[in-house]
């Protein structure tokens, strides 16, 4: 009987972990799809060949770092953190800098 009482909380913890991971996976997939679609439709013609799915996957992963599914559900769009993640990922994936507000460019990409 005692082992059953111990096993029940452990099983519920495992179920919570599975639900958390499923929610994070769902968030990631939806975020990448939405970002990619919006970027492709809003990008000027000279950016048509950019790897939007790679940029969006990179940015989504950076934004998700250290956040629970509940944290992700409360995210606001277009925050400074999200803009910084996108700028970083454009640099990493495309190897170009992103102009910052006020005309100053982001740091040049580190090309190795």
Protein backbone atom coordinates (compact mmCIF):
# COMPACT_ATOMS: atom_id res chain seq x y z
CA UNK A 1 0.00 0.00 0.00
CA UNK A 2 2.79 2.41 0.87
CA UNK A 3 4.48 1.89 -2.52
CA UNK A 4 1.20 2.72 -4.27
CA UNK A 5 0.93 5.99 -2.32
CA UNK A 6 4.47 6.93 -3.33
CA UNK A 7 3.95 5.91 -6.96
CA UNK A 8 0.87 8.12 -7.43
CA UNK A 9 2.65 11.46 -6.83
CA UNK A 10 5.55 10.32 -9.00
CA UNK A 11 3.17 9.40 -11.80
CA UNK A 12 1.43 12.75 -11.56
CA UNK A 13 4.81 14.53 -11.67
CA UNK A 14 5.71 12.60 -14.81
CA UNK A 15 2.37 13.53 -16.36
CA UNK A 16 2.97 17.21 -15.53
CA UNK A 17 6.41 16.99 -17.11
CA UNK A 18 4.95 15.45 -20.25
CA UNK A 19 2.26 18.14 -20.42
CA UNK A 20 4.88 20.87 -19.95
CA UNK A 21 7.03 19.45 -22.74
CA UNK A 22 4.00 19.07 -25.04
CA UNK A 23 3.00 22.69 -24.41
CA UNK A 24 6.55 23.91 -25.10
CA UNK A 25 6.73 21.85 -28.31
CA UNK A 26 3.37 23.20 -29.45
CA UNK A 27 4.47 26.78 -28.68
CA UNK A 28 7.72 26.31 -30.59
CA UNK A 29 6.02 24.89 -33.70
CA UNK A 30 3.34 27.60 -33.74
CA UNK A 31 5.86 30.37 -33.13
CA UNK A 32 8.17 29.26 -35.94
CA UNK A 33 5.28 28.84 -38.38
CA UNK A 34 3.76 32.22 -37.51
CA UNK A 35 7.11 34.03 -37.61
CA UNK A 36 8.11 32.44 -40.92
CA UNK A 37 4.78 33.25 -42.56
CA UNK A 38 4.74 36.83 -41.30
CA UNK A 39 8.38 37.43 -42.25
CA UNK A 40 7.97 36.10 -45.77
CA UNK A 41 4.87 38.17 -46.42
CA UNK A 42 6.22 41.40 -44.87
CA UNK A 43 9.81 41.25 -46.14
CA UNK A 44 10.86 43.56 -48.93
CA UNK A 45 11.71 41.86 -52.25
CA UNK A 46 15.48 42.05 -51.66
CA UNK A 47 15.07 39.72 -48.65
CA UNK A 48 13.03 37.12 -50.56
CA UNK A 49 15.82 34.53 -50.48
CA UNK A 50 16.45 34.72 -46.75
CA UNK A 51 16.20 31.59 -44.61
CA UNK A 52 13.19 32.74 -42.62
CA UNK A 53 12.48 29.32 -41.12
CA UNK A 54 16.06 29.16 -39.82
CA UNK A 55 15.95 32.71 -38.47
CA UNK A 56 12.57 32.10 -36.81
CA UNK A 57 13.65 28.77 -35.30
CA UNK A 58 16.79 30.39 -33.91
CA UNK A 59 14.85 33.35 -32.46
CA UNK A 60 12.14 31.13 -31.00
CA UNK A 61 14.71 28.91 -29.29
CA UNK A 62 16.47 31.95 -27.80
CA UNK A 63 13.18 33.40 -26.56
CA UNK A 64 12.11 30.07 -25.05
CA UNK A 65 15.36 29.56 -23.09
CA UNK A 66 14.66 29.22 -19.37
CA UNK A 67 10.92 29.79 -19.67
CA UNK A 68 8.14 27.46 -18.61
CA UNK A 69 5.07 26.81 -20.73
CA UNK A 70 3.16 29.23 -18.49
CA UNK A 71 5.82 31.92 -19.06
CA UNK A 72 5.59 31.38 -22.81
CA UNK A 73 1.79 31.68 -22.76
CA UNK A 74 2.14 35.13 -21.13
CA UNK A 75 4.69 36.52 -23.60
CA UNK A 76 3.94 39.85 -25.22
CA UNK A 77 4.90 40.29 -28.84
CA UNK A 78 7.57 42.65 -30.11
CA UNK A 79 9.44 43.06 -26.82
CA UNK A 80 13.07 44.25 -26.72
CA UNK A 81 14.07 40.66 -25.85
CA UNK A 82 12.35 39.34 -28.96
CA UNK A 83 13.84 42.02 -31.20
CA UNK A 84 17.32 41.26 -29.81
CA UNK A 85 16.81 37.53 -30.46
CA UNK A 86 15.78 38.22 -34.06
CA UNK A 87 18.73 40.55 -34.63
CA UNK A 88 21.11 37.93 -33.24
CA UNK A 89 19.61 35.20 -35.41
CA UNK A 90 19.65 37.29 -38.59
CA UNK A 91 23.34 37.82 -37.92
CA UNK A 92 23.93 34.12 -37.23
CA UNK A 93 21.80 32.65 -40.03
CA UNK A 94 22.19 35.29 -42.77
CA UNK A 95 25.53 36.78 -41.77
CA UNK A 96 24.32 40.38 -41.99
CA UNK A 97 23.71 43.15 -39.48
CA UNK A 98 20.30 44.56 -38.65
CA UNK A 99 19.94 48.37 -38.59
CA UNK A 100 19.04 49.56 -35.11
CA UNK A 101 16.72 52.42 -34.26
CA UNK A 102 18.45 55.73 -34.78
CA UNK A 103 20.45 54.47 -37.75
CA UNK A 104 23.26 52.68 -35.90
CA UNK A 105 23.91 49.15 -37.14
CA UNK A 106 24.07 46.13 -34.92
CA UNK A 107 27.49 44.65 -34.30
CA UNK A 108 28.91 42.97 -37.41
CA UNK A 109 28.41 39.24 -37.73
CA UNK A 110 31.29 37.09 -36.59
CA UNK A 111 32.14 35.15 -39.74
CA UNK A 112 34.40 32.20 -39.23
